Protein backbone atom coordinates (compact mmCIF):
# COMPACT_ATOMS: atom_id res chain seq x y z
CA UNK A 1 107.37 82.94 123.21
CA UNK A 2 109.70 80.23 121.41
CA UNK A 3 107.75 81.55 118.44
CA UNK A 4 108.91 85.20 119.51
CA UNK A 5 112.34 84.16 121.28
CA UNK A 6 113.50 81.14 118.92
CA UNK A 7 116.65 81.12 121.85
CA UNK A 8 114.48 79.33 123.86
CA UNK A 9 113.43 76.39 122.16
CA UNK A 10 117.49 75.66 121.47
CA UNK A 11 118.96 77.32 124.79
CA UNK A 12 116.94 74.89 127.39
CA UNK A 13 117.96 72.14 125.74
CA UNK A 14 121.69 72.84 124.35
CA UNK A 15 124.01 69.95 125.05
CA UNK A 16 127.92 69.52 126.10
CA UNK A 17 128.35 67.65 122.78
CA UNK A 18 127.38 70.76 120.96
CA UNK A 19 129.82 73.43 122.52
CA UNK A 20 133.07 72.03 120.02
CA UNK A 21 131.17 72.06 116.93
CA UNK A 22 129.80 75.45 117.61
CA UNK A 23 133.14 77.29 119.35
CA UNK A 24 135.27 75.76 116.28
CA UNK A 25 132.73 76.97 113.93
CA UNK A 26 132.32 80.23 115.53
CA UNK A 27 136.42 80.60 115.81
CA UNK A 28 136.68 79.50 112.06
CA UNK A 29 133.89 82.12 110.55
CA UNK A 30 135.33 84.81 113.23
CA UNK A 31 138.51 84.22 111.40
CA UNK A 32 137.67 84.85 107.97
CA UNK A 33 134.44 87.38 108.64
CA UNK A 34 137.59 89.75 110.52
CA UNK A 35 139.14 90.34 106.86
CA UNK A 36 135.84 90.10 105.23
CA UNK A 37 134.50 92.28 107.02
CA UNK A 38 136.83 95.41 106.47
CA UNK A 39 136.91 94.19 102.59
CA UNK A 40 133.15 94.83 102.79
CA UNK A 41 132.56 97.89 104.35
CA UNK A 42 135.08 99.12 101.70
CA UNK A 43 132.49 98.25 99.25
CA UNK A 44 130.25 100.19 100.54
CA UNK A 45 132.34 103.23 100.72
CA UNK A 46 133.04 103.29 104.51
CA UNK A 47 136.01 103.07 106.78
CA UNK A 48 137.24 99.04 107.34
CA UNK A 49 136.03 99.41 110.93
CA UNK A 50 132.86 99.88 110.36
CA UNK A 51 132.14 96.10 108.48
CA UNK A 52 133.76 95.00 111.88
CA UNK A 53 131.40 96.55 113.92
CA UNK A 54 128.23 95.29 111.59
CA UNK A 55 129.79 92.00 112.53
CA UNK A 56 129.03 92.29 116.58
CA UNK A 57 126.23 92.99 117.49
CA UNK A 58 124.06 91.84 114.90
CA UNK A 59 125.10 88.44 114.85
CA UNK A 60 123.91 88.57 118.84
CA UNK A 61 120.58 89.94 117.89
CA UNK A 62 119.73 87.45 115.49
CA UNK A 63 121.28 84.57 117.76
CA UNK A 64 118.03 84.94 119.52
CA UNK A 65 115.67 85.51 117.24
CA UNK A 66 116.30 83.60 113.96
CA UNK A 67 115.24 80.56 113.23
CA UNK A 68 118.22 79.21 110.92
CA UNK A 69 120.49 77.51 113.17
CA UNK A 70 123.91 78.51 111.12
CA UNK A 71 123.47 81.84 109.13
CA UNK A 72 126.03 84.17 109.59
CA UNK A 73 124.43 87.82 109.76
CA UNK A 74 126.95 90.38 109.31
CA UNK A 75 127.81 92.40 106.20
CA UNK A 76 127.69 91.24 102.50
CA UNK A 77 128.94 92.12 98.86
CA UNK A 78 125.28 92.35 96.85
CA UNK A 79 123.91 94.86 100.02
CA UNK A 80 127.35 96.66 100.59
CA UNK A 81 127.06 98.05 97.16
CA UNK A 82 123.79 99.17 97.27
CA UNK A 83 124.43 101.04 100.15
CA UNK A 84 127.60 103.25 98.31
CA UNK A 85 125.35 103.46 95.33
CA UNK A 86 122.29 104.84 97.18
CA UNK A 87 124.22 106.88 99.75
CA UNK A 88 126.95 108.13 97.33
CA UNK A 89 124.06 110.40 95.80
CA UNK A 90 123.80 111.98 98.96
CA UNK A 91 127.01 112.34 100.47
CA UNK A 92 130.38 112.27 100.26
CA UNK A 93 132.26 108.93 100.37
CA UNK A 94 133.58 108.55 103.74
CA UNK A 95 132.88 112.05 105.20
CA UNK A 96 130.75 111.80 108.45
CA UNK A 97 127.31 112.88 106.59
CA UNK A 98 127.93 109.26 104.75
CA UNK A 99 128.82 107.41 107.34
CA UNK A 100 125.26 109.16 109.26
CA UNK A 101 123.75 108.06 106.21
CA UNK A 102 124.97 104.11 106.18
CA UNK A 103 123.93 103.78 110.01
CA UNK A 104 120.56 105.24 110.03
CA UNK A 105 119.76 103.36 106.20
CA UNK A 106 120.43 100.58 108.41
CA UNK A 107 117.43 102.14 111.21
CA UNK A 108 115.09 102.19 108.42
CA UNK A 109 115.95 98.54 106.80
CA UNK A 110 115.60 96.98 109.87
CA UNK A 111 112.34 98.43 110.86
CA UNK A 112 110.93 98.11 107.15
CA UNK A 113 112.01 93.98 107.66
CA UNK A 114 110.53 94.05 111.56
CA UNK A 115 107.48 95.38 110.53
CA UNK A 116 106.75 93.16 107.26
CA UNK A 117 107.91 90.14 109.54
CA UNK A 118 105.21 91.31 112.05
CA UNK A 119 102.23 91.56 109.34
CA UNK A 120 103.21 88.24 108.38
CA UNK A 121 104.97 89.26 104.87
CA UNK A 122 107.30 86.83 104.15
CA UNK A 123 105.83 85.29 101.31
CA UNK A 124 107.27 88.24 99.37
CA UNK A 125 110.53 86.28 97.71
CA UNK A 126 107.86 84.00 95.98
CA UNK A 127 107.75 87.24 93.87
CA UNK A 128 111.80 86.40 93.21
CA UNK A 129 112.03 83.39 90.54
CA UNK A 130 114.78 81.62 89.91
CA UNK A 131 115.93 83.16 86.72
CA UNK A 132 115.36 86.39 88.33
CA UNK A 133 117.40 85.82 91.25
CA UNK A 134 120.12 84.30 89.10
CA UNK A 135 120.74 86.97 86.78
CA UNK A 136 120.26 89.50 89.26
CA UNK A 137 123.26 87.44 91.20
CA UNK A 138 125.67 87.24 88.46
CA UNK A 139 125.24 90.55 87.11
CA UNK A 140 125.87 92.47 91.00
CA UNK A 141 128.96 89.74 91.55
CA UNK A 142 130.51 91.04 87.88
CA UNK A 143 130.07 94.78 89.32
CA UNK A 144 131.33 94.33 93.03
CA UNK A 145 134.34 92.47 91.73
CA UNK A 146 134.72 94.84 88.68
CA UNK A 147 134.43 97.61 91.61
CA UNK A 148 137.61 96.77 93.31
CA UNK A 149 139.61 97.26 89.99
CA UNK A 150 140.57 100.71 91.86
CA UNK A 151 142.81 98.81 94.53
CA UNK A 152 143.57 95.95 92.73
CA UNK A 153 145.28 98.35 90.17
CA UNK A 154 146.22 100.95 92.33
CA UNK A 155 144.54 103.06 90.33
CA UNK A 156 141.69 105.88 90.74
CA UNK A 157 138.88 103.79 88.36
CA UNK A 158 135.28 106.06 88.60
CA UNK A 159 132.55 104.61 90.72
CA UNK A 160 129.43 102.96 89.30
CA UNK A 161 127.30 100.85 89.14
CA UNK A 162 126.85 100.73 85.53
CA UNK A 163 128.92 98.42 83.78
CA UNK A 164 130.27 100.40 80.95
CA UNK A 165 131.31 103.34 83.14
CA UNK A 166 133.55 101.44 85.45
CA UNK A 167 135.55 99.44 82.30
CA UNK A 168 135.81 102.62 80.29
CA UNK A 169 137.43 104.16 83.32
CA UNK A 170 139.40 101.35 84.11
CA UNK A 171 140.91 100.73 80.81
CA UNK A 172 141.58 104.49 80.50
CA UNK A 173 143.52 104.69 83.20
CA UNK A 174 146.06 101.61 82.66
CA UNK A 175 148.72 102.99 81.61
CA UNK A 176 148.78 103.91 85.67
CA UNK A 177 148.85 100.87 86.92
CA UNK A 178 150.64 100.44 90.04
CA UNK A 179 152.30 96.79 89.47
CA UNK A 180 153.45 96.18 93.56
CA UNK A 181 150.55 96.37 94.60
CA UNK A 182 148.87 94.81 91.15
CA UNK A 183 151.21 91.63 92.40
CA UNK A 184 150.00 91.60 95.92
CA UNK A 185 146.47 91.37 94.76
CA UNK A 186 147.04 88.71 92.50
CA UNK A 187 149.04 86.71 94.80
CA UNK A 188 146.17 87.17 97.40
CA UNK A 189 143.37 85.89 94.77
CA UNK A 190 145.71 82.46 93.68
CA UNK A 191 146.28 82.07 97.59
CA UNK A 192 143.17 81.62 98.03
CA UNK A 193 141.88 79.96 95.38
CA UNK A 194 144.47 77.18 96.27
CA UNK A 195 143.53 76.89 99.32
CA UNK A 196 139.74 76.28 98.79
CA UNK A 197 141.55 73.89 96.77
CA UNK A 198 143.62 72.03 98.95
CA UNK A 199 141.17 72.09 102.08
CA UNK A 200 138.14 74.45 102.19
CA UNK A 201 138.93 74.37 105.94
CA UNK A 202 142.09 76.35 105.61
CA UNK A 203 141.17 80.02 106.06
CA UNK A 204 143.25 81.59 102.87
CA UNK A 205 141.35 84.89 103.86
CA UNK A 206 143.35 85.25 106.55
CA UNK A 207 146.49 83.89 105.81
CA UNK A 208 147.28 85.93 103.03
CA UNK A 209 146.08 88.83 105.20
CA UNK A 210 148.54 87.90 107.64
CA UNK A 211 151.33 87.60 104.48
CA UNK A 212 150.17 90.52 103.04
CA UNK A 213 150.46 93.09 106.34
CA UNK A 214 154.53 91.34 106.87
CA UNK A 215 155.14 92.26 102.59
CA UNK A 216 154.28 95.53 103.48
CA UNK A 217 156.09 95.88 106.40
CA UNK A 218 159.17 93.88 105.61
CA UNK A 219 159.88 95.75 101.88
CA UNK A 220 158.19 99.19 103.47
CA UNK A 221 155.88 99.12 100.12
CA UNK A 222 153.54 101.91 102.22
CA UNK A 223 156.20 104.19 101.11
CA UNK A 224 156.29 103.16 98.08
CA UNK A 225 152.91 104.00 96.42
CA UNK A 226 151.04 100.48 98.05
CA UNK A 227 147.66 101.52 99.67
CA UNK A 228 147.41 100.61 102.97
CA UNK A 229 143.92 100.58 105.53
CA UNK A 230 146.19 102.50 108.09
CA UNK A 231 144.78 103.11 111.63
CA UNK A 232 141.47 101.91 113.15
CA UNK A 233 139.93 102.76 115.35
CA UNK A 234 140.63 101.00 118.51
CA UNK A 235 137.28 99.82 121.03
CA UNK A 236 133.86 98.17 120.82
CA UNK A 237 131.83 100.92 119.08
CA UNK A 238 129.92 103.55 120.93
CA UNK A 239 125.49 103.46 121.58
CA UNK A 240 123.98 106.69 119.45
CA UNK A 241 120.05 107.11 119.11
CA UNK A 242 119.18 107.43 115.85
CA UNK A 243 118.25 111.14 113.81
CA UNK A 244 114.55 110.42 113.06
CA UNK A 245 113.60 113.77 111.24
CA UNK A 246 111.34 113.62 108.56
CA UNK A 247 113.91 115.00 106.15
CA UNK A 248 116.32 111.52 106.74
CA UNK A 249 112.96 109.59 106.17
CA UNK A 250 112.11 111.04 102.91
CA UNK A 251 116.46 110.21 102.03
CA UNK A 252 116.16 107.30 102.82
CA UNK A 253 113.30 104.87 102.79
CA UNK A 254 112.94 104.20 98.65
CA UNK A 255 116.06 102.88 98.87
CA UNK A 256 115.74 101.00 102.40
CA UNK A 257 113.08 99.34 101.52
CA UNK A 258 114.53 98.32 98.24
CA UNK A 259 117.69 96.58 100.41
CA UNK A 260 115.58 94.76 103.24
CA UNK A 261 113.42 92.98 100.32
CA UNK A 262 116.66 92.35 98.74
CA UNK A 263 118.99 91.63 102.54
CA UNK A 264 115.62 89.30 103.48
CA UNK A 265 115.63 87.50 99.78
CA UNK A 266 119.46 86.97 100.69
CA UNK A 267 119.51 85.49 103.64
CA UNK A 268 115.96 83.42 103.37
CA UNK A 269 117.71 81.28 100.55
CA UNK A 270 120.62 80.10 102.42
CA UNK A 271 118.98 78.83 105.02
CA UNK A 272 116.58 77.55 103.58
CA UNK A 273 119.13 75.32 101.91
CA UNK A 274 120.88 74.67 104.91
CA UNK A 275 118.01 73.48 106.42
CA UNK A 276 117.36 71.32 103.44
CA UNK A 277 121.12 69.63 104.99
CA UNK A 278 119.86 69.64 108.13
CA UNK A 279 116.06 68.67 108.01
CA UNK A 280 116.22 68.69 112.31
CA UNK A 281 114.62 72.91 112.46
CA UNK A 282 112.20 74.84 110.50
CA UNK A 283 113.03 78.50 109.14
CA UNK A 284 109.79 80.53 109.52
CA UNK A 285 110.17 83.33 106.95
CA UNK A 286 107.86 85.69 108.81
CA UNK A 287 110.02 85.50 112.13
CA UNK A 288 112.96 85.14 109.83
CA UNK A 289 112.43 88.97 108.78
CA UNK A 290 112.09 89.91 112.57
CA UNK A 291 114.74 88.80 113.10
CA UNK A 292 117.07 90.51 110.46
CA UNK A 293 114.46 93.68 111.44
CA UNK A 294 115.81 93.63 114.79
CA UNK A 295 118.98 92.63 113.97
CA UNK A 296 119.71 95.91 112.23
CA UNK A 297 117.51 97.71 114.10
CA UNK A 298 119.56 97.26 117.40
CA UNK A 299 122.95 97.18 115.56
CA UNK A 300 122.44 100.63 113.80
CA UNK A 301 122.75 101.87 117.38
CA UNK A 302 126.19 100.35 117.72
CA UNK A 303 127.39 101.82 114.66
CA UNK A 304 126.61 98.73 112.15
CA UNK A 305 125.17 99.62 108.98
CA UNK A 306 123.14 97.27 106.84
CA UNK A 307 123.41 93.68 107.40
CA UNK A 308 121.97 90.23 106.40
CA UNK A 309 123.15 86.61 106.42
CA UNK A 310 125.75 86.07 103.53
CA UNK A 311 126.46 82.63 101.72
CA UNK A 312 129.82 82.12 101.90
CA UNK A 313 129.80 82.51 106.15
CA UNK A 314 126.77 80.48 106.32
CA UNK A 315 128.71 77.25 104.25
CA UNK A 316 131.70 77.66 106.12
CA UNK A 317 129.44 77.56 109.62
CA UNK A 318 127.90 74.54 108.60
CA UNK A 319 130.32 73.11 107.38
CA UNK A 320 132.74 73.95 110.52
CA UNK A 321 129.87 71.78 112.69
CA UNK A 322 127.96 74.39 113.91
CA UNK A 323 124.64 73.12 115.96
CA UNK A 324 123.44 76.12 117.18
CA UNK A 325 123.61 80.27 116.89
CA UNK A 326 126.21 79.84 119.76
CA UNK A 327 128.61 79.46 116.86
CA UNK A 328 127.92 83.08 115.73
CA UNK A 329 127.91 84.37 119.27
CA UNK A 330 131.08 83.02 119.46
CA UNK A 331 131.86 84.66 116.28
CA UNK A 332 130.82 87.52 117.37
CA UNK A 333 133.15 87.28 120.38
CA UNK A 334 136.07 87.26 118.42
CA UNK A 335 135.53 89.87 116.54
CA UNK A 336 135.00 92.34 119.67
CA UNK A 337 138.28 91.37 121.27
CA UNK A 338 139.60 91.96 117.76
CA UNK A 339 138.59 95.27 118.28
CA UNK A 340 139.56 95.71 121.55
CA UNK A 341 143.15 94.45 121.38
CA UNK A 342 144.13 93.70 118.19
CA UNK A 343 143.45 96.59 115.75
CA UNK A 344 147.43 98.13 115.54
CA UNK A 345 148.36 95.32 113.61
CA UNK A 346 145.84 95.62 110.47
CA UNK A 347 147.88 99.40 109.76
CA UNK A 348 150.06 97.73 107.32
CA UNK A 349 147.28 95.86 105.64
CA UNK A 350 147.12 96.61 102.05
CA UNK A 351 143.85 97.49 100.08
CA UNK A 352 144.39 94.59 97.16
CA UNK A 353 144.46 92.23 99.81
CA UNK A 354 140.76 93.22 100.73
CA UNK A 355 140.32 93.35 96.60
CA UNK A 356 141.69 89.80 95.88
CA UNK A 357 139.28 88.19 99.21
CA UNK A 358 135.81 90.01 97.58
CA UNK A 359 137.28 89.00 94.03
CA UNK A 360 136.84 85.50 95.42
CA UNK A 361 134.11 85.67 97.65
CA UNK A 362 131.78 87.49 94.58
CA UNK A 363 133.21 85.17 92.20
CA UNK A 364 131.29 82.46 93.48
CA UNK A 365 127.84 84.39 93.15
CA UNK A 366 128.30 83.90 89.08
CA UNK A 367 125.85 80.46 88.00
CA UNK A 368 127.25 79.92 84.83
CA UNK A 369 125.28 76.54 84.81
CA UNK A 370 122.17 77.84 85.04
CA UNK A 371 122.05 79.22 82.60
CA UNK A 372 123.40 75.84 80.12
CA UNK A 373 120.08 74.43 81.99
CA UNK A 374 118.26 77.40 80.93
CA UNK A 375 120.05 77.63 77.75
CA UNK A 376 118.60 73.16 77.15
CA UNK A 377 116.04 73.54 79.41
CA UNK A 378 114.44 76.76 78.87
CA UNK A 379 115.14 79.56 76.81
CA UNK A 380 111.60 81.78 77.29
CA UNK A 381 113.32 81.69 80.87
CA UNK A 382 116.90 82.21 79.49
CA UNK A 383 115.98 85.50 78.01
CA UNK A 384 114.72 86.58 81.58
CA UNK A 385 117.44 85.76 83.23
CA UNK A 386 119.74 87.66 80.76
CA UNK A 387 117.78 90.52 80.45
CA UNK A 388 117.29 90.99 84.75
CA UNK A 389 121.49 90.90 84.87
CA UNK A 390 121.66 93.21 81.64
CA UNK A 391 119.47 95.97 83.31
CA UNK A 392 121.56 95.47 86.59
CA UNK A 393 124.87 95.71 84.59
CA UNK A 394 123.70 98.65 82.49
CA UNK A 395 121.39 100.94 84.47
CA UNK A 396 122.01 99.74 88.51
CA UNK A 397 121.04 96.92 91.09
CA UNK A 398 118.07 98.34 92.67
CA UNK A 399 116.71 98.66 87.90
CA UNK A 400 117.56 95.11 87.94
CA UNK A 401 116.08 93.67 90.98
CA UNK A 402 112.64 95.84 90.01
CA UNK A 403 112.97 94.75 85.96
CA UNK A 404 113.65 91.51 87.24
CA UNK A 405 110.04 91.30 88.87
CA UNK A 406 108.36 92.54 86.51
CA UNK A 407 109.38 90.69 83.65
CA UNK A 408 108.81 87.64 86.10
CA UNK A 409 105.50 88.87 86.50
CA UNK A 410 104.43 89.97 83.15
CA UNK A 411 105.78 86.18 81.68
CA UNK A 412 103.69 84.61 84.68
CA UNK A 413 100.64 86.32 82.87
CA UNK A 414 101.35 85.70 79.67
CA UNK A 415 101.55 81.76 80.49
CA UNK A 416 98.11 82.04 82.17
CA UNK A 417 97.03 84.37 79.17
CA UNK A 418 98.26 81.34 76.88
CA UNK A 419 96.83 78.09 78.85
CA UNK A 420 97.06 74.36 77.84
CA UNK A 421 94.12 73.45 76.31
CA UNK A 422 93.61 69.33 75.40
CA UNK A 423 90.99 67.66 73.41
CA UNK A 424 90.76 64.89 75.06
CA UNK A 425 90.21 60.68 73.42
CA UNK A 426 89.26 57.66 75.50
CA UNK A 427 92.10 54.46 75.08
CA UNK A 428 90.46 51.55 73.30
CA UNK A 429 89.14 49.19 76.06
CA UNK A 430 89.96 51.60 79.51
CA UNK A 431 87.76 54.79 80.78
CA UNK A 432 90.97 56.63 80.74
CA UNK A 433 91.59 59.97 78.07
CA UNK A 434 94.21 60.98 76.82
CA UNK A 435 95.23 64.73 75.03
CA UNK A 436 95.04 63.46 71.24
CA UNK A 437 98.13 65.37 69.95
CA UNK A 438 100.15 62.82 72.65
CA UNK A 439 98.58 59.63 72.21
CA UNK A 440 97.50 57.62 69.00
CA UNK A 441 94.69 55.45 68.64
CA UNK A 442 92.17 57.06 70.80
CA UNK A 443 88.53 56.86 70.29
CA UNK A 444 87.04 59.38 69.08
CA UNK A 445 82.92 60.77 68.13
CA UNK A 446 81.51 63.12 65.69
CA UNK A 447 78.55 64.37 67.96
CA UNK A 448 81.07 65.29 70.80
CA UNK A 449 83.68 66.33 71.54
CA UNK A 450 86.18 65.95 74.78
CA UNK A 451 88.06 69.37 76.19
CA UNK A 452 90.95 69.71 79.14
CA UNK A 453 91.46 73.25 80.23
CA UNK A 454 94.77 73.06 83.42
CA UNK A 455 94.18 76.39 84.16
CA UNK A 456 91.72 78.40 86.64
CA UNK A 457 88.85 80.49 84.39
CA UNK A 458 90.37 83.89 84.89
CA UNK A 459 89.60 87.56 83.28
CA UNK A 460 93.96 86.73 82.06
CA UNK A 461 92.61 83.43 80.08
CA UNK A 462 88.72 83.11 79.94
CA UNK A 463 88.29 84.65 76.85
CA UNK A 464 91.51 82.62 75.25
CA UNK A 465 89.61 79.53 76.71
CA UNK A 466 86.19 80.26 75.01
CA UNK A 467 87.70 81.35 71.61
CA UNK A 468 89.48 77.32 71.24
CA UNK A 469 86.01 76.07 72.67
CA UNK A 470 84.31 77.29 70.10
CA UNK A 471 86.21 77.18 67.28
CA UNK A 472 86.80 74.10 67.59
CA UNK A 473 83.31 73.24 67.65
CA UNK A 474 82.80 75.17 64.72
CA UNK A 475 84.61 72.75 62.89
CA UNK A 476 82.15 70.02 63.65
CA UNK A 477 78.62 72.24 63.40
CA UNK A 478 76.35 70.08 61.78
CA UNK A 479 77.23 67.01 63.61
CA UNK A 480 78.35 68.26 66.73
CA UNK A 481 76.00 67.93 69.51
CA UNK A 482 77.85 67.72 73.02
CA UNK A 483 81.06 69.31 74.13
CA UNK A 484 82.01 67.89 77.33
CA UNK A 485 84.47 70.54 79.38
CA UNK A 486 86.59 68.24 82.02
CA UNK A 487 87.30 70.62 84.42
CA UNK A 488 89.18 68.74 87.15
CA UNK A 489 92.26 71.05 86.94
CA UNK A 490 89.95 74.58 87.15
CA UNK A 491 90.42 75.12 90.61
CA UNK A 492 88.69 78.16 90.61
CA UNK A 493 86.48 80.67 88.45
CA UNK A 494 86.30 84.63 89.31
CA UNK A 495 83.54 86.59 88.12
CA UNK A 496 85.02 87.60 84.65
CA UNK A 497 85.55 83.65 84.22
CA UNK A 498 82.17 83.21 85.21
CA UNK A 499 80.94 85.84 81.98
CA UNK A 500 83.54 84.15 79.72
CA UNK A 501 81.35 80.53 80.72
CA UNK A 502 77.83 82.04 80.26
CA UNK A 503 78.96 83.32 76.93
CA UNK A 504 80.48 79.92 75.88
CA UNK A 505 77.29 78.11 76.97
CA UNK A 506 74.94 80.42 74.82
CA UNK A 507 77.13 80.85 71.29
CA UNK A 508 76.94 76.85 71.58
CA UNK A 509 73.07 76.72 72.20
CA UNK A 510 72.63 79.09 69.49
CA UNK A 511 74.14 76.66 67.23
CA UNK A 512 72.18 73.32 69.06
CA UNK A 513 75.41 72.54 71.03
CA UNK A 514 75.13 71.39 74.84
CA UNK A 515 77.90 72.04 77.38
CA UNK A 516 78.52 69.20 79.59
CA UNK A 517 80.26 69.44 83.02
CA UNK A 518 82.34 66.72 84.12
CA UNK A 519 84.98 65.97 87.49
CA UNK A 520 84.26 69.69 88.88
CA UNK A 521 85.37 70.43 92.12
CA UNK A 522 82.64 71.71 94.73
CA UNK A 523 83.71 76.03 94.80
CA UNK A 524 83.56 75.80 91.49
CA UNK A 525 80.41 73.89 91.20
CA UNK A 526 78.72 76.23 93.74
CA UNK A 527 79.65 79.49 92.00
CA UNK A 528 77.93 78.22 88.36
CA UNK A 529 74.84 77.28 90.54
CA UNK A 530 75.33 80.48 92.13
CA UNK A 531 75.86 82.86 89.23
CA UNK A 532 72.43 80.72 87.31
CA UNK A 533 74.55 78.84 84.26
CA UNK A 534 73.40 75.24 84.69
CA UNK A 535 69.47 75.76 84.77
CA UNK A 536 68.46 72.33 83.95
CA UNK A 537 68.28 69.27 85.58
CA UNK A 538 71.91 69.21 87.58
CA UNK A 539 71.86 64.84 86.66
CA UNK A 540 71.89 65.91 83.26
CA UNK A 541 74.47 68.84 83.36
CA UNK A 542 77.28 67.68 85.64
CA UNK A 543 78.79 64.42 85.71
CA UNK A 544 81.54 62.40 88.39
CA UNK A 545 84.01 61.27 86.00
CA UNK A 546 84.30 62.26 82.19
CA UNK A 547 84.06 58.74 80.87
CA UNK A 548 80.43 59.31 82.44
CA UNK A 549 79.76 62.33 80.33
CA UNK A 550 81.07 60.76 77.43
CA UNK A 551 78.42 57.99 78.36
CA UNK A 552 75.71 59.86 78.86
CA UNK A 553 76.31 61.61 75.26
CA UNK A 554 76.13 58.28 73.34
CA UNK A 555 73.06 56.75 74.62
CA UNK A 556 70.99 59.70 74.94
CA UNK A 557 71.85 59.77 71.63
CA UNK A 558 71.33 56.34 70.47
CA UNK A 559 67.97 56.51 72.27
CA UNK A 560 67.12 59.41 70.17
CA UNK A 561 67.98 57.87 66.78
CA UNK A 562 65.70 54.50 68.06
CA UNK A 563 62.69 56.77 68.52
CA UNK A 564 63.12 58.63 65.20
CA UNK A 565 63.21 54.55 63.32
CA UNK A 566 60.41 53.59 65.55
CA UNK A 567 58.27 56.56 64.77
CA UNK A 568 59.43 56.60 61.46
CA UNK A 569 58.29 52.56 61.58
CA UNK A 570 54.81 53.10 62.50
CA UNK A 571 54.07 56.32 59.95
């Protein structure tokens, strides 16, 4: 029961000492979540109130099923933009049909995540390497930030996932900038940035929301062209059953699967980062899929659009001292109270202020330092990062993440197909063997070479391994009698690998050269025996250490030479 309902592992053992920390963290995140939720709903193309709806029920459900004790599950910028991207081609932004699609998307996304968790597919995050995640996240942050230019500048900008389309539309309309709106937005950005420098616990977003409302009301800016939120429906979200028609499933299933994986990736990476700091609990990948799936399924029944764990909120939750998921329940309670009693206060909230909150939030997702790190350490991985970012910016977020996964797999295959193969020599006076290219003054012999292959023998690399070993053997043809394979790093051999090793043995035998095996692990030795690759005495084919194999070759060669000399003497 504790595995499926992690709440049972912390709630019965809850300590009074935790309450003050959870209460403070819950209120802090709740205050942050009110303006943030409304801002992210705008990114998704939804009325601001749906950002508040999505901040109530999902948090409570995650507190029951989730294994992270500080992860804050509610709307996030990246998923909000994916929602807008996918649904904008199905319905007009802001229409009833658009809202229905967004809520249904949360339901299908939740079903996908829950199913993946049940069938134990939590390992899917391993498909996303750090460069892919960084390239995708940085590009998504740029797209999200630029999507808010329409609210920051007070002009009509084309809504698109392609950065060049947004920039071209913005440049075209620069002459129509509404200066009062721009001043409000820039002021909001500056204040939030400065408040973070002064003290990270200052609720800068909430302060600029209050200030923005007061300025608009005091100066009557809404009557002078400043766009405001206006009326927000009061009350908690109603319970609505989803429309599960076959037509809806066909339209939303591909998008829901994409967002399900991206959302899980984001939430899991945040949860693991916090777990590394706390070290008093363990985040379980499959249970996290189940928890996020349940949060989206139940949330959609109460008019929530897709949610996941957020970077900034979870960091604030952890830094504010949250000890258990009760902090998230408190945050949800604060948002619920706002929906019940405080929504009229947000009538004069300028869209420019919400845009400033979003721009500051996503600016932290652009990881410039990592780009410079890869430039110094691994340029091939840098190309992967940049390629993912360029595709995301040029063609869209879904295409970006898919191309990033494909490119990372291709890069992995490229590295596997070109394995590291070292030719070894013995350290003088010792029984240790080292790479001839990296060390000097190593012992070598004319009648044998020692080769170490640092990868499994599989279909993608066996041809390269075979060709390089044969090529090295041919250089010593006439004198070379043995090739010793140091197989300590060969942890697996597949069917194609078996064929390749057989060809290698036969080719070397034709040249009068024997292939010997050293430090072979059990499963690989078994595979060689079962496939009949070693027909002679095992004691003369397999050796416990590389040095044993070398000594055997040298002693056997010496004995043959001695026998030949004895024969010549007798004659």
